[in-house]
Amino acid sequence: MAAKYQVGTDTVRRKAQSGEWPCDRIGRLYRFSPDQQDEIAQIVAGAKQSGYDKDRIAEALRKLSA
């Protein structure tokens, strides 16, 4: 992600920790699925507002519990 958007790794980590960029955290690692990468591309382009969508999180939890 850092190379793709020409930012530092600390910037990517900070945006993921703050919730600006959607990600999956596994231990100390941050993973970005293809869907999340598309969402980040929209955020960077200014087409979408950053931040976690509570409905998206609730829907994902419902899928996991089903």
PDB file of N, CA and C in Angstrom:
ATOM      1  N   MET A   1       0.831  -1.183   0.000  1.00  0.00           N
ATOM      2  CA  MET A   1       0.000   0.000   0.000  1.00  0.00           C
ATOM      3  C   MET A   1       0.876   1.247   0.000  1.00  0.00           C
ATOM      4  N   ALA A   2       1.967   1.188   0.739  1.00  0.00           N
ATOM      5  CA  ALA A   2       2.839   2.361   0.811  1.00  0.00           C
ATOM      6  C   ALA A   2       3.421   2.687  -0.563  1.00  0.00           C
ATOM      7  N   ALA A   3       3.868   1.661  -1.271  1.00  0.00           N
ATOM      8  CA  ALA A   3       4.448   1.891  -2.597  1.00  0.00           C
ATOM      9  C   ALA A   3       3.383   2.312  -3.604  1.00  0.00           C
ATOM     10  N   LYS A   4       2.208   1.743  -3.496  1.00  0.00           N
ATOM     11  CA  LYS A   4       1.128   2.044  -4.437  1.00  0.00           C
ATOM     12  C   LYS A   4       0.719   3.512  -4.367  1.00  0.00           C
ATOM     13  N   TYR A   5       0.665   4.060  -3.160  1.00  0.00           N
ATOM     14  CA  TYR A   5       0.220   5.447  -2.988  1.00  0.00           C
ATOM     15  C   TYR A   5       1.369   6.397  -2.671  1.00  0.00           C
ATOM     16  N   GLN A   6       2.591   5.915  -2.767  1.00  0.00           N
ATOM     17  CA  GLN A   6       3.799   6.705  -2.565  1.00  0.00           C
ATOM     18  C   GLN A   6       3.775   7.454  -1.234  1.00  0.00           C
ATOM     19  N   VAL A   7       3.486   6.694  -0.177  1.00  0.00           N
ATOM     20  CA  VAL A   7       3.537   7.218   1.183  1.00  0.00           C
ATOM     21  C   VAL A   7       4.393   6.272   2.007  1.00  0.00           C
ATOM     22  N   GLY A   8       4.774   6.710   3.180  1.00  0.00           N
ATOM     23  CA  GLY A   8       5.601   5.889   4.041  1.00  0.00           C
ATOM     24  C   GLY A   8       4.800   4.780   4.716  1.00  0.00           C
ATOM     25  N   THR A   9       5.503   3.760   5.169  1.00  0.00           N
ATOM     26  CA  THR A   9       4.838   2.654   5.856  1.00  0.00           C
ATOM     27  C   THR A   9       4.194   3.113   7.147  1.00  0.00           C
ATOM     28  N   ASP A  10       4.802   4.101   7.804  1.00  0.00           N
ATOM     29  CA  ASP A  10       4.204   4.648   9.031  1.00  0.00           C
ATOM     30  C   ASP A  10       2.869   5.325   8.736  1.00  0.00           C
ATOM     31  N   THR A  11       2.769   5.972   7.592  1.00  0.00           N
ATOM     32  CA  THR A  11       1.517   6.622   7.203  1.00  0.00           C
ATOM     33  C   THR A  11       0.421   5.585   6.984  1.00  0.00           C
ATOM     34  N   VAL A  12       0.758   4.501   6.303  1.00  0.00           N
ATOM     35  CA  VAL A  12      -0.213   3.425   6.074  1.00  0.00           C
ATOM     36  C   VAL A  12      -0.669   2.855   7.410  1.00  0.00           C
ATOM     37  N   ARG A  13       0.276   2.590   8.290  1.00  0.00           N
ATOM     38  CA  ARG A  13      -0.048   2.027   9.607  1.00  0.00           C
ATOM     39  C   ARG A  13      -0.934   2.993  10.405  1.00  0.00           C
ATOM     40  N   ARG A  14      -0.622   4.273  10.372  1.00  0.00           N
ATOM     41  CA  ARG A  14      -1.387   5.264  11.107  1.00  0.00           C
ATOM     42  C   ARG A  14      -2.817   5.380  10.564  1.00  0.00           C
ATOM     43  N   LYS A  15      -2.971   5.385   9.246  1.00  0.00           N
ATOM     44  CA  LYS A  15      -4.302   5.466   8.651  1.00  0.00           C
ATOM     45  C   LYS A  15      -5.120   4.214   8.945  1.00  0.00           C
ATOM     46  N   ALA A  16      -4.475   3.057   8.982  1.00  0.00           N
ATOM     47  CA  ALA A  16      -5.177   1.814   9.306  1.00  0.00           C
ATOM     48  C   ALA A  16      -5.574   1.788  10.775  1.00  0.00           C
ATOM     49  N   GLN A  17      -4.685   2.218  11.652  1.00  0.00           N
ATOM     50  CA  GLN A  17      -4.976   2.229  13.097  1.00  0.00           C
ATOM     51  C   GLN A  17      -6.102   3.202  13.427  1.00  0.00           C
ATOM     52  N   SER A  18      -6.118   4.340  12.768  1.00  0.00           N
ATOM     53  CA  SER A  18      -7.118   5.356  13.083  1.00  0.00           C
ATOM     54  C   SER A  18      -8.476   5.044  12.470  1.00  0.00           C
ATOM     55  N   GLY A  19      -8.512   4.111  11.521  1.00  0.00           N
ATOM     56  CA  GLY A  19      -9.768   3.773  10.880  1.00  0.00           C
ATOM     57  C   GLY A  19     -10.022   4.540   9.601  1.00  0.00           C
ATOM     58  N   GLU A  20      -9.070   5.376   9.195  1.00  0.00           N
ATOM     59  CA  GLU A  20      -9.231   6.106   7.937  1.00  0.00           C
ATOM     60  C   GLU A  20      -9.277   5.149   6.758  1.00  0.00           C
ATOM     61  N   TRP A  21      -8.457   4.117   6.797  1.00  0.00           N
ATOM     62  CA  TRP A  21      -8.409   3.107   5.747  1.00  0.00           C
ATOM     63  C   TRP A  21      -8.904   1.786   6.315  1.00  0.00           C
ATOM     64  N   PRO A  22      -9.808   1.116   5.613  1.00  0.00           N
ATOM     65  CA  PRO A  22     -10.293  -0.172   6.092  1.00  0.00           C
ATOM     66  C   PRO A  22      -9.195  -1.233   5.965  1.00  0.00           C
ATOM     67  N   CYS A  23      -9.126  -2.105   6.946  1.00  0.00           N
ATOM     68  CA  CYS A  23      -8.123  -3.162   6.921  1.00  0.00           C
ATOM     69  C   CYS A  23      -8.545  -4.287   7.849  1.00  0.00           C
ATOM     70  N   ASP A  24      -7.858  -5.398   7.719  1.00  0.00           N
ATOM     71  CA  ASP A  24      -8.014  -6.505   8.656  1.00  0.00           C
ATOM     72  C   ASP A  24      -6.711  -6.612   9.416  1.00  0.00           C
ATOM     73  N   ARG A  25      -6.818  -6.719  10.703  1.00  0.00           N
ATOM     74  CA  ARG A  25      -5.607  -6.808  11.524  1.00  0.00           C
ATOM     75  C   ARG A  25      -5.465  -8.230  12.034  1.00  0.00           C
ATOM     76  N   ILE A  26      -4.315  -8.798  11.780  1.00  0.00           N
ATOM     77  CA  ILE A  26      -4.002 -10.137  12.234  1.00  0.00           C
ATOM     78  C   ILE A  26      -2.735 -10.020  13.074  1.00  0.00           C
ATOM     79  N   GLY A  27      -2.916 -10.061  14.387  1.00  0.00           N
ATOM     80  CA  GLY A  27      -1.770  -9.848  15.274  1.00  0.00           C
ATOM     81  C   GLY A  27      -1.248  -8.439  15.094  1.00  0.00           C
ATOM     82  N   ARG A  28       0.014  -8.333  14.730  1.00  0.00           N
ATOM     83  CA  ARG A  28       0.619  -7.021  14.504  1.00  0.00           C
ATOM     84  C   ARG A  28       0.588  -6.604  13.034  1.00  0.00           C
ATOM     85  N   LEU A  29       0.047  -7.465  12.170  1.00  0.00           N
ATOM     86  CA  LEU A  29       0.042  -7.206  10.734  1.00  0.00           C
ATOM     87  C   LEU A  29      -1.274  -6.584  10.283  1.00  0.00           C
ATOM     88  N   TYR A  30      -1.185  -5.740   9.290  1.00  0.00           N
ATOM     89  CA  TYR A  30      -2.373  -5.153   8.665  1.00  0.00           C
ATOM     90  C   TYR A  30      -2.500  -5.762   7.283  1.00  0.00           C
ATOM     91  N   ARG A  31      -3.686  -6.278   6.972  1.00  0.00           N
ATOM     92  CA  ARG A  31      -3.943  -6.883   5.668  1.00  0.00           C
ATOM     93  C   ARG A  31      -5.047  -6.099   4.973  1.00  0.00           C
ATOM     94  N   PHE A  32      -4.894  -5.922   3.662  1.00  0.00           N
ATOM     95  CA  PHE A  32      -5.858  -5.187   2.873  1.00  0.00           C
ATOM     96  C   PHE A  32      -6.395  -6.110   1.787  1.00  0.00           C
ATOM     97  N   SER A  33      -7.678  -6.469   1.876  1.00  0.00           N
ATOM     98  CA  SER A  33      -8.303  -7.322   0.873  1.00  0.00           C
ATOM     99  C   SER A  33      -8.479  -6.516  -0.416  1.00  0.00           C
ATOM    100  N   PRO A  34      -8.719  -7.200  -1.528  1.00  0.00           N
ATOM    101  CA  PRO A  34      -8.947  -6.454  -2.784  1.00  0.00           C
ATOM    102  C   PRO A  34     -10.107  -5.463  -2.672  1.00  0.00           C
ATOM    103  N   ASP A  35     -11.181  -5.836  -1.988  1.00  0.00           N
ATOM    104  CA  ASP A  35     -12.296  -4.902  -1.799  1.00  0.00           C
ATOM    105  C   ASP A  35     -11.865  -3.695  -0.986  1.00  0.00           C
ATOM    106  N   GLN A  36     -11.069  -3.935   0.043  1.00  0.00           N
ATOM    107  CA  GLN A  36     -10.581  -2.836   0.876  1.00  0.00           C
ATOM    108  C   GLN A  36      -9.634  -1.942   0.078  1.00  0.00           C
ATOM    109  N   GLN A  37      -8.833  -2.544  -0.790  1.00  0.00           N
ATOM    110  CA  GLN A  37      -7.926  -1.753  -1.620  1.00  0.00           C
ATOM    111  C   GLN A  37      -8.702  -0.867  -2.583  1.00  0.00           C
ATOM    112  N   ASP A  38      -9.808  -1.386  -3.118  1.00  0.00           N
ATOM    113  CA  ASP A  38     -10.657  -0.571  -3.993  1.00  0.00           C
ATOM    114  C   ASP A  38     -11.267   0.594  -3.215  1.00  0.00           C
ATOM    115  N   GLU A  39     -11.697   0.309  -1.983  1.00  0.00           N
ATOM    116  CA  GLU A  39     -12.279   1.350  -1.137  1.00  0.00           C
ATOM    117  C   GLU A  39     -11.246   2.424  -0.810  1.00  0.00           C
ATOM    118  N   ILE A  40     -10.016   2.008  -0.537  1.00  0.00           N
ATOM    119  CA  ILE A  40      -8.939   2.963  -0.247  1.00  0.00           C
ATOM    120  C   ILE A  40      -8.649   3.814  -1.481  1.00  0.00           C
ATOM    121  N   ALA A  41      -8.678   3.197  -2.659  1.00  0.00           N
ATOM    122  CA  ALA A  41      -8.440   3.951  -3.895  1.00  0.00           C
ATOM    123  C   ALA A  41      -9.498   5.038  -4.053  1.00  0.00           C
ATOM    124  N   GLN A  42     -10.753   4.737  -3.702  1.00  0.00           N
ATOM    125  CA  GLN A  42     -11.820   5.732  -3.778  1.00  0.00           C
ATOM    126  C   GLN A  42     -11.598   6.838  -2.749  1.00  0.00           C
ATOM    127  N   ILE A  43     -11.129   6.465  -1.566  1.00  0.00           N
ATOM    128  CA  ILE A  43     -10.859   7.458  -0.519  1.00  0.00           C
ATOM    129  C   ILE A  43      -9.746   8.400  -0.956  1.00  0.00           C
ATOM    130  N   VAL A  44      -8.679   7.828  -1.510  1.00  0.00           N
ATOM    131  CA  VAL A  44      -7.539   8.635  -1.953  1.00  0.00           C
ATOM    132  C   VAL A  44      -7.951   9.552  -3.106  1.00  0.00           C
ATOM    133  N   ALA A  45      -8.811   9.061  -3.991  1.00  0.00           N
ATOM    134  CA  ALA A  45      -9.267   9.861  -5.126  1.00  0.00           C
ATOM    135  C   ALA A  45     -10.260  10.940  -4.702  1.00  0.00           C
ATOM    136  N   GLY A  46     -10.771  10.835  -3.484  1.00  0.00           N
ATOM    137  CA  GLY A  46     -11.717  11.822  -2.992  1.00  0.00           C
ATOM    138  C   GLY A  46     -13.159  11.498  -3.320  1.00  0.00           C
ATOM    139  N   ALA A  47     -13.410  10.307  -3.878  1.00  0.00           N
ATOM    140  CA  ALA A  47     -14.770   9.924  -4.255  1.00  0.00           C
ATOM    141  C   ALA A  47     -15.567   9.378  -3.081  1.00  0.00           C
ATOM    142  N   LYS A  48     -14.889   9.027  -2.006  1.00  0.00           N
ATOM    143  CA  LYS A  48     -15.569   8.445  -0.856  1.00  0.00           C
ATOM    144  C   LYS A  48     -14.963   9.009   0.411  1.00  0.00           C
ATOM    145  N   GLN A  49     -15.797   9.149   1.438  1.00  0.00           N
ATOM    146  CA  GLN A  49     -15.319   9.656   2.711  1.00  0.00           C
ATOM    147  C   GLN A  49     -14.693   8.504   3.494  1.00  0.00           C
ATOM    148  N   SER A  50     -13.610   8.770   4.194  1.00  0.00           N
ATOM    149  CA  SER A  50     -12.925   7.733   4.955  1.00  0.00           C
ATOM    150  C   SER A  50     -13.622   7.469   6.275  1.00  0.00           C
ATOM    151  N   GLY A  51     -13.218   6.405   6.906  1.00  0.00           N
ATOM    152  CA  GLY A  51     -13.773   6.040   8.205  1.00  0.00           C
ATOM    153  C   GLY A  51     -14.555   4.751   8.126  1.00  0.00           C
ATOM    154  N   TYR A  52     -14.679   4.098   9.244  1.00  0.00           N
ATOM    155  CA  TYR A  52     -15.398   2.837   9.284  1.00  0.00           C
ATOM    156  C   TYR A  52     -16.892   3.062   9.167  1.00  0.00           C
ATOM    157  N   ASP A  53     -17.517   2.204   8.422  1.00  0.00           N
ATOM    158  CA  ASP A  53     -18.961   2.221   8.266  1.00  0.00           C
ATOM    159  C   ASP A  53     -19.531   1.176   9.225  1.00  0.00           C
ATOM    160  N   LYS A  54     -20.269   1.616  10.231  1.00  0.00           N
ATOM    161  CA  LYS A  54     -20.783   0.703  11.242  1.00  0.00           C
ATOM    162  C   LYS A  54     -21.701  -0.343  10.638  1.00  0.00           C
ATOM    163  N   ASP A  55     -22.451   0.021   9.612  1.00  0.00           N
ATOM    164  CA  ASP A  55     -23.333  -0.940   8.962  1.00  0.00           C
ATOM    165  C   ASP A  55     -22.532  -2.034   8.271  1.00  0.00           C
ATOM    166  N   ARG A  56     -21.413  -1.653   7.667  1.00  0.00           N
ATOM    167  CA  ARG A  56     -20.565  -2.640   6.989  1.00  0.00           C
ATOM    168  C   ARG A  56     -19.986  -3.619   8.005  1.00  0.00           C
ATOM    169  N   ILE A  57     -19.586  -3.109   9.153  1.00  0.00           N
ATOM    170  CA  ILE A  57     -19.028  -3.963  10.202  1.00  0.00           C
ATOM    171  C   ILE A  57     -20.102  -4.888  10.753  1.00  0.00           C
ATOM    172  N   ALA A  58     -21.289  -4.365  10.991  1.00  0.00           N
ATOM    173  CA  ALA A  58     -22.383  -5.187  11.512  1.00  0.00           C
ATOM    174  C   ALA A  58     -22.750  -6.280  10.515  1.00  0.00           C
ATOM    175  N   GLU A  59     -22.775  -5.935   9.225  1.00  0.00           N
ATOM    176  CA  GLU A  59     -23.094  -6.924   8.195  1.00  0.00           C
ATOM    177  C   GLU A  59     -22.031  -8.026   8.145  1.00  0.00           C
ATOM    178  N   ALA A  60     -20.775  -7.664   8.260  1.00  0.00           N
ATOM    179  CA  ALA A  60     -19.703  -8.653   8.255  1.00  0.00           C
ATOM    180  C   ALA A  60     -19.810  -9.579   9.461  1.00  0.00           C
ATOM    181  N   LEU A  61     -20.154  -9.035  10.613  1.00  0.00           N
ATOM    182  CA  LEU A  61     -20.314  -9.868  11.806  1.00  0.00           C
ATOM    183  C   LEU A  61     -21.496 -10.811  11.657  1.00  0.00           C
ATOM    184  N   ARG A  62     -22.572 -10.345  11.022  1.00  0.00           N
ATOM    185  CA  ARG A  62     -23.729 -11.236  10.783  1.00  0.00           C
ATOM    186  C   ARG A  62     -23.343 -12.369   9.859  1.00  0.00           C
ATOM    187  N   LYS A  63     -22.541 -12.093   8.832  1.00  0.00           N
ATOM    188  CA  LYS A  63     -22.108 -13.142   7.912  1.00  0.00           C
ATOM    189  C   LYS A  63     -21.236 -14.172   8.623  1.00  0.00           C
ATOM    190  N   LEU A  64     -20.374 -13.697   9.522  1.00  0.00           N
ATOM    191  CA  LEU A  64     -19.494 -14.615  10.244  1.00  0.00           C
ATOM    192  C   LEU A  64     -20.267 -15.511  11.191  1.00  0.00           C
ATOM    193  N   SER A  65     -21.325 -14.981  11.802  1.00  0.00           N
ATOM    194  CA  SER A  65     -22.071 -15.768  12.776  1.00  0.00           C
ATOM    195  C   SER A  65     -23.063 -16.720  12.112  1.00  0.00           C
ATOM    196  N   ALA A  66     -23.335 -16.528  10.825  1.00  0.00           N
ATOM    197  CA  ALA A  66     -24.310 -17.382  10.129  1.00  0.00           C
ATOM    198  C   ALA A  66     -23.710 -18.692   9.684  1.00  0.00           C
TER     199      ALA A  66
END
